[in-house]
């Protein structure tokens, strides 16, 4: 083998090793990005969970815990509990309908946002039409469970909820309509004031409802509208509508803890610092690769320059 051929072989090996390093670096970068994305998603889901607010949850006899939350954030005006779902959150009201899109009840930035009352409504839910907004999220977080009402069986068996107000008597909710619409539907997504507007709104609800149950409305009746995104169409909305009542029905769905082992393992895995574990694992693998590569290159060097023992 000529010297020129040997130089070419060495050059090819150097280029090959260089490509290996580039691939390793890119893979490590991809790992960092993927692990961070996983961690960030978990953080958002954790923030979006109602579990962190459980200590502040009131009941129809005692609102002291809710008052404590209001002392932390004066924008807190109540609490909504839709029985048999994970919709169990404090309610805030900002100066406009943008403030709490990406801000938690505790004032921290999060894409999970908060459950908030339309800025045009009175905060005591005294308007005829009171609109509550919440993000549609996976794992049944925030208003993700509104979508569950598209099942006729679920709609028929989940009729009640409650709104606890700060400094005032709690209100019951009697859900009577579920429908899908778009964000430009101003009949649904704007407050109705006059008697004519009220009747037109009720007719509009029943005409567009996927499911509904008849209710004999009175002049003094008020509505609460739960609005979240429908991601299956552009600017889509899932809408759940109930009548507010002075009587709060008890929750027929007591909270139960799951003993499922797989669920328990998943929760434990989430509590681990996944990003740190993956990075350490990858560094160990890279170290092993470099050691192996060095050994292989040493063997090739010895084969190229054998020592003949006599």
Protein backbone atom coordinates (compact mmCIF):
# COMPACT_ATOMS: atom_id res chain seq x y z
CA UNK A 1 0.00 0.00 0.00
CA UNK A 2 1.48 3.35 -1.03
CA UNK A 3 1.82 6.34 1.27
CA UNK A 4 -0.78 8.23 -0.76
CA UNK A 5 -3.31 5.43 -0.30
CA UNK A 6 -2.60 5.34 3.44
CA UNK A 7 -3.19 9.11 3.64
CA UNK A 8 -6.51 8.69 1.86
CA UNK A 9 -7.55 5.93 4.28
CA UNK A 10 -6.57 8.07 7.28
CA UNK A 11 -8.48 10.99 5.84
CA UNK A 12 -11.60 8.84 5.34
CA UNK A 13 -11.34 7.60 8.92
CA UNK A 14 -11.03 11.16 10.22
CA UNK A 15 -14.06 12.26 8.22
CA UNK A 16 -15.99 9.22 9.46
CA UNK A 17 -15.11 9.98 13.08
CA UNK A 18 -16.03 13.62 12.53
CA UNK A 19 -19.43 12.60 11.19
CA UNK A 20 -19.88 10.32 14.20
CA UNK A 21 -19.22 13.25 16.52
CA UNK A 22 -21.62 15.50 14.61
CA UNK A 23 -24.32 12.82 14.83
CA UNK A 24 -23.65 12.40 18.54
CA UNK A 25 -23.91 16.15 19.15
CA UNK A 26 -27.12 16.43 17.14
CA UNK A 27 -28.56 13.42 18.93
CA UNK A 28 -27.66 14.94 22.29
CA UNK A 29 -29.28 18.22 21.27
CA UNK A 30 -32.41 16.36 20.16
CA UNK A 31 -32.44 14.55 23.50
CA UNK A 32 -32.21 17.85 25.38
CA UNK A 33 -35.06 19.34 23.33
CA UNK A 34 -37.25 16.23 23.65
CA UNK A 35 -36.61 15.88 27.38
CA UNK A 36 -37.28 19.57 27.95
CA UNK A 37 -40.52 19.37 25.95
CA UNK A 38 -41.60 16.37 28.04
CA UNK A 39 -40.70 18.17 31.27
CA UNK A 40 -42.40 21.40 30.18
CA UNK A 41 -45.60 19.56 29.22
CA UNK A 42 -45.61 17.83 32.58
CA UNK A 43 -45.14 21.17 34.34
CA UNK A 44 -48.09 22.68 32.44
CA UNK A 45 -50.28 19.68 33.26
CA UNK A 46 -49.30 19.86 36.92
CA UNK A 47 -50.15 23.55 37.07
CA UNK A 48 -53.44 22.88 35.27
CA UNK A 49 -54.51 20.24 37.79
CA UNK A 50 -57.18 21.22 40.28
CA UNK A 51 -55.32 19.26 42.98
CA UNK A 52 -53.12 22.24 43.83
CA UNK A 53 -56.21 24.26 44.76
CA UNK A 54 -57.98 21.56 46.77
CA UNK A 55 -56.99 23.15 50.07
CA UNK A 56 -58.98 26.28 49.10
CA UNK A 57 -62.11 24.46 47.95
CA UNK A 58 -65.22 25.72 49.78
CA UNK A 59 -68.57 24.07 50.41
CA UNK A 60 -72.10 25.41 50.59
CA UNK A 61 -71.83 26.01 54.35
CA UNK A 62 -68.28 27.40 54.60
CA UNK A 63 -66.41 29.76 52.24
CA UNK A 64 -63.52 30.55 54.60
CA UNK A 65 -61.00 28.62 52.53
CA UNK A 66 -62.09 30.47 49.39
CA UNK A 67 -61.68 33.76 51.23
CA UNK A 68 -58.08 32.77 51.96
CA UNK A 69 -57.49 32.33 48.23
CA UNK A 70 -59.08 35.72 47.56
CA UNK A 71 -56.61 37.25 50.01
CA UNK A 72 -53.85 35.92 47.75
CA UNK A 73 -55.53 37.17 44.56
CA UNK A 74 -58.34 39.70 44.78
CA UNK A 75 -59.54 38.64 41.30
CA UNK A 76 -60.86 35.36 42.77
CA UNK A 77 -64.67 35.55 42.70
CA UNK A 78 -65.79 31.96 43.22
CA UNK A 79 -65.41 28.26 42.58
CA UNK A 80 -67.04 25.94 40.05
CA UNK A 81 -67.64 22.24 40.66
CA UNK A 82 -69.25 20.17 37.89
CA UNK A 83 -70.22 16.93 39.60
CA UNK A 84 -68.73 13.74 38.21
CA UNK A 85 -65.99 15.57 36.26
CA UNK A 86 -62.58 17.09 36.94
CA UNK A 87 -63.97 20.59 36.49
CA UNK A 88 -63.34 21.66 40.08
CA UNK A 89 -61.53 25.00 40.04
CA UNK A 90 -61.48 28.51 41.46
CA UNK A 91 -62.94 31.24 39.25
CA UNK A 92 -61.28 34.58 38.56
CA UNK A 93 -62.32 37.68 36.62
CA UNK A 94 -59.77 39.97 34.99
CA UNK A 95 -60.03 43.48 33.63
CA UNK A 96 -60.47 41.94 30.18
CA UNK A 97 -60.84 38.48 28.64
CA UNK A 98 -57.11 38.23 27.85
CA UNK A 99 -55.64 38.61 31.32
CA UNK A 100 -56.15 35.02 32.52
CA UNK A 101 -55.67 33.20 29.24
CA UNK A 102 -52.05 32.52 30.20
CA UNK A 103 -52.03 33.33 33.91
CA UNK A 104 -52.86 31.06 36.83
CA UNK A 105 -55.07 31.92 39.78
CA UNK A 106 -51.86 32.41 41.81
CA UNK A 107 -50.58 34.94 39.27
CA UNK A 108 -47.93 32.79 37.57
CA UNK A 109 -47.47 32.57 33.80
CA UNK A 110 -48.77 29.32 32.32
CA UNK A 111 -50.35 28.38 29.02
CA UNK A 112 -52.90 26.45 31.09
CA UNK A 113 -54.45 29.76 32.16
CA UNK A 114 -57.38 29.85 34.57
CA UNK A 115 -61.13 29.42 34.66
CA UNK A 116 -62.41 32.99 34.32
CA UNK A 117 -65.71 34.83 34.11
CA UNK A 118 -66.35 37.10 31.13
CA UNK A 119 -65.14 40.60 31.98
CA UNK A 120 -68.54 42.00 30.89
CA UNK A 121 -70.41 40.00 33.55
CA UNK A 122 -71.13 41.04 37.11
CA UNK A 123 -68.85 39.03 39.38
CA UNK A 124 -71.74 37.88 41.58
CA UNK A 125 -73.34 35.97 38.65
CA UNK A 126 -76.40 38.23 38.76
CA UNK A 127 -76.57 38.62 34.95
CA UNK A 128 -78.98 36.54 32.94
CA UNK A 129 -76.13 35.04 30.90
CA UNK A 130 -72.82 34.40 32.71
CA UNK A 131 -69.97 33.06 30.56
CA UNK A 132 -67.08 31.04 31.97
CA UNK A 133 -64.00 30.34 29.85
CA UNK A 134 -61.37 27.64 30.26
CA UNK A 135 -58.79 26.02 28.02
CA UNK A 136 -59.50 22.63 26.48
CA UNK A 137 -56.66 20.44 27.75
CA UNK A 138 -55.61 16.80 27.67
CA UNK A 139 -55.82 14.56 30.74
CA UNK A 140 -59.20 16.15 31.54
CA UNK A 141 -57.57 19.32 32.88
CA UNK A 142 -59.28 22.73 33.05
CA UNK A 143 -62.40 22.55 30.80
CA UNK A 144 -61.28 19.37 29.00
CA UNK A 145 -64.21 17.45 30.50
CA UNK A 146 -66.78 19.63 28.73
CA UNK A 147 -66.16 17.44 25.69
CA UNK A 148 -67.36 14.39 27.63
CA UNK A 149 -70.91 15.75 27.45
CA UNK A 150 -71.00 14.93 23.74
CA UNK A 151 -71.87 11.43 24.92
CA UNK A 152 -75.64 11.15 25.34
CA UNK A 153 -75.22 8.79 28.30
CA UNK A 154 -72.81 11.15 30.04
CA UNK A 155 -75.06 14.15 29.42
CA UNK A 156 -78.08 12.31 30.79
CA UNK A 157 -76.30 11.19 33.95
CA UNK A 158 -74.39 14.40 34.79
CA UNK A 159 -76.96 17.08 35.36
CA UNK A 160 -75.75 19.09 38.35
CA UNK A 161 -72.94 21.25 39.66
CA UNK A 162 -72.35 24.20 41.96
CA UNK A 163 -70.83 27.68 41.99
CA UNK A 164 -69.56 28.96 45.31
CA UNK A 165 -69.29 32.74 45.46
CA UNK A 166 -66.99 34.81 47.64
CA UNK A 167 -68.98 36.55 50.35
CA UNK A 168 -72.32 35.27 49.08
CA UNK A 169 -74.55 32.24 49.07
CA UNK A 170 -73.57 29.33 46.83
CA UNK A 171 -75.57 28.60 43.68
CA UNK A 172 -76.61 25.29 42.19
CA UNK A 173 -76.25 24.49 38.49
CA UNK A 174 -78.79 22.47 36.51
CA UNK A 175 -77.26 21.66 33.14
CA UNK A 176 -79.81 21.46 30.35
CA UNK A 177 -77.96 21.85 27.02
CA UNK A 178 -74.77 20.82 25.27
CA UNK A 179 -73.86 22.13 21.83
CA UNK A 180 -71.00 22.82 19.46
CA UNK A 181 -70.59 26.24 17.87
CA UNK A 182 -67.89 28.70 16.73
CA UNK A 183 -66.26 31.65 18.40
CA UNK A 184 -68.17 34.11 16.23
CA UNK A 185 -71.54 32.96 17.60
CA UNK A 186 -72.42 36.20 19.37
CA UNK A 187 -75.85 34.95 20.43
CA UNK A 188 -74.19 32.37 22.69
CA UNK A 189 -71.02 34.27 23.54
CA UNK A 190 -72.42 37.66 24.50
CA UNK A 191 -74.53 38.68 27.49
CA UNK A 192 -78.30 38.98 26.98
CA UNK A 193 -80.00 41.86 28.81
CA UNK A 194 -83.56 42.53 27.61
CA UNK A 195 -86.51 40.15 27.83
CA UNK A 196 -86.46 39.82 24.04
CA UNK A 197 -82.79 38.87 24.08
CA UNK A 198 -83.39 36.27 26.76
CA UNK A 199 -86.12 34.48 24.85
CA UNK A 200 -84.13 34.60 21.64
CA UNK A 201 -81.10 33.15 23.38
CA UNK A 202 -83.05 30.24 24.87
CA UNK A 203 -84.61 29.44 21.49
CA UNK A 204 -81.16 29.61 19.87
CA UNK A 205 -79.75 27.21 22.47
CA UNK A 206 -82.47 24.60 21.97
CA UNK A 207 -82.29 24.88 18.17
CA UNK A 208 -78.54 24.29 18.09
CA UNK A 209 -78.23 21.85 20.99
CA UNK A 210 -76.72 18.43 20.39
CA UNK A 211 -78.50 17.29 23.56
CA UNK A 212 -80.94 19.15 25.79
CA UNK A 213 -83.59 18.63 28.44
CA UNK A 214 -86.72 20.77 28.80
CA UNK A 215 -86.82 23.45 31.49
CA UNK A 216 -89.67 25.80 32.36
CA UNK A 217 -87.81 29.11 32.48
CA UNK A 218 -88.94 32.01 34.66
CA UNK A 219 -88.17 35.69 34.23
CA UNK A 220 -85.72 35.72 37.14
CA UNK A 221 -83.78 32.65 35.98
CA UNK A 222 -80.07 33.01 35.13
CA UNK A 223 -77.74 30.93 32.96
CA UNK A 224 -74.12 29.91 33.18
CA UNK A 225 -72.29 29.07 29.94
CA UNK A 226 -69.12 26.94 30.00
CA UNK A 227 -67.04 27.68 26.91
CA UNK A 228 -63.92 25.82 25.72
CA UNK A 229 -62.19 25.17 22.42
CA UNK A 230 -63.22 22.47 19.97
CA UNK A 231 -59.96 21.61 18.20
CA UNK A 232 -61.66 19.54 15.49
CA UNK A 233 -62.74 22.66 13.56
CA UNK A 234 -61.39 26.19 13.08
CA UNK A 235 -62.43 28.46 15.94
CA UNK A 236 -64.72 25.72 17.25
CA UNK A 237 -66.32 25.74 20.69
CA UNK A 238 -67.75 23.13 23.04
CA UNK A 239 -70.55 24.74 25.04
CA UNK A 240 -72.25 23.41 28.19
CA UNK A 241 -75.15 25.48 29.55
CA UNK A 242 -76.90 25.31 32.89
CA UNK A 243 -79.49 27.20 34.87
CA UNK A 244 -78.38 28.76 38.15
CA UNK A 245 -80.57 27.89 41.13
CA UNK A 246 -80.68 28.88 44.79
CA UNK A 247 -80.70 25.21 45.78
CA UNK A 248 -77.37 23.39 45.71
CA UNK A 249 -77.79 19.68 45.01
CA UNK A 250 -75.31 17.40 46.77
CA UNK A 251 -72.55 15.78 44.74
CA UNK A 252 -73.66 12.20 43.91
CA UNK A 253 -70.15 11.30 42.72
CA UNK A 254 -67.85 11.06 45.77
CA UNK A 255 -64.19 11.26 44.94
CA UNK A 256 -62.45 7.90 44.91
CA UNK A 257 -58.74 7.13 44.72
CA UNK A 258 -57.54 4.75 42.07
CA UNK A 259 -55.45 1.77 43.17
CA UNK A 260 -54.42 0.89 39.66
CA UNK A 261 -50.71 -0.04 39.81
CA UNK A 262 -49.93 1.28 36.33
CA UNK A 263 -51.42 4.68 37.17
CA UNK A 264 -49.39 4.73 40.37
CA UNK A 265 -46.16 3.94 38.50
CA UNK A 266 -46.84 6.65 35.93
CA UNK A 267 -47.41 9.21 38.66
CA UNK A 268 -44.18 8.21 40.35
CA UNK A 269 -42.31 8.52 37.06
CA UNK A 270 -43.74 11.99 36.59
CA UNK A 271 -42.50 13.02 40.02
CA UNK A 272 -38.93 12.07 39.03
CA UNK A 273 -36.71 14.62 37.36
CA UNK A 274 -36.99 12.96 33.96
CA UNK A 275 -34.77 15.48 32.22
CA UNK A 276 -31.88 14.82 34.63
CA UNK A 277 -32.22 11.03 34.38
CA UNK A 278 -32.23 11.04 30.57
CA UNK A 279 -29.23 13.35 30.35
CA UNK A 280 -27.19 11.23 32.76
CA UNK A 281 -28.14 8.06 30.85
CA UNK A 282 -27.15 9.63 27.56
CA UNK A 283 -23.81 10.85 28.92
CA UNK A 284 -23.06 7.33 30.17
CA UNK A 285 -23.81 5.92 26.72
CA UNK A 286 -21.66 8.56 25.01
CA UNK A 287 -18.77 7.83 27.41
CA UNK A 288 -19.05 4.11 26.67
CA UNK A 289 -19.04 4.86 22.94
CA UNK A 290 -15.89 6.98 23.16
CA UNK A 291 -14.08 4.31 25.20
CA UNK A 292 -15.11 1.65 22.70
CA UNK A 293 -14.06 3.84 19.77
CA UNK A 294 -10.65 4.49 21.35
CA UNK A 295 -10.09 0.78 21.93
CA UNK A 296 -11.02 -0.03 18.34
CA UNK A 297 -8.70 2.62 16.95
CA UNK A 298 -5.87 1.31 19.13
CA UNK A 299 -6.43 -2.23 17.83
CA UNK A 300 -6.38 -0.98 14.23
CA UNK A 301 -3.15 0.85 14.92
CA UNK A 302 -1.55 -2.28 16.34
CA UNK A 303 -2.73 -4.32 13.35
CA UNK A 304 -1.23 -1.72 11.01
CA UNK A 305 2.13 -1.85 12.87
CA UNK A 306 2.53 -5.41 14.21
CA UNK A 307 5.42 -6.23 16.51
CA UNK A 308 7.04 -9.47 15.59
CA UNK A 309 8.31 -11.23 18.62
CA UNK A 310 11.07 -13.69 18.26
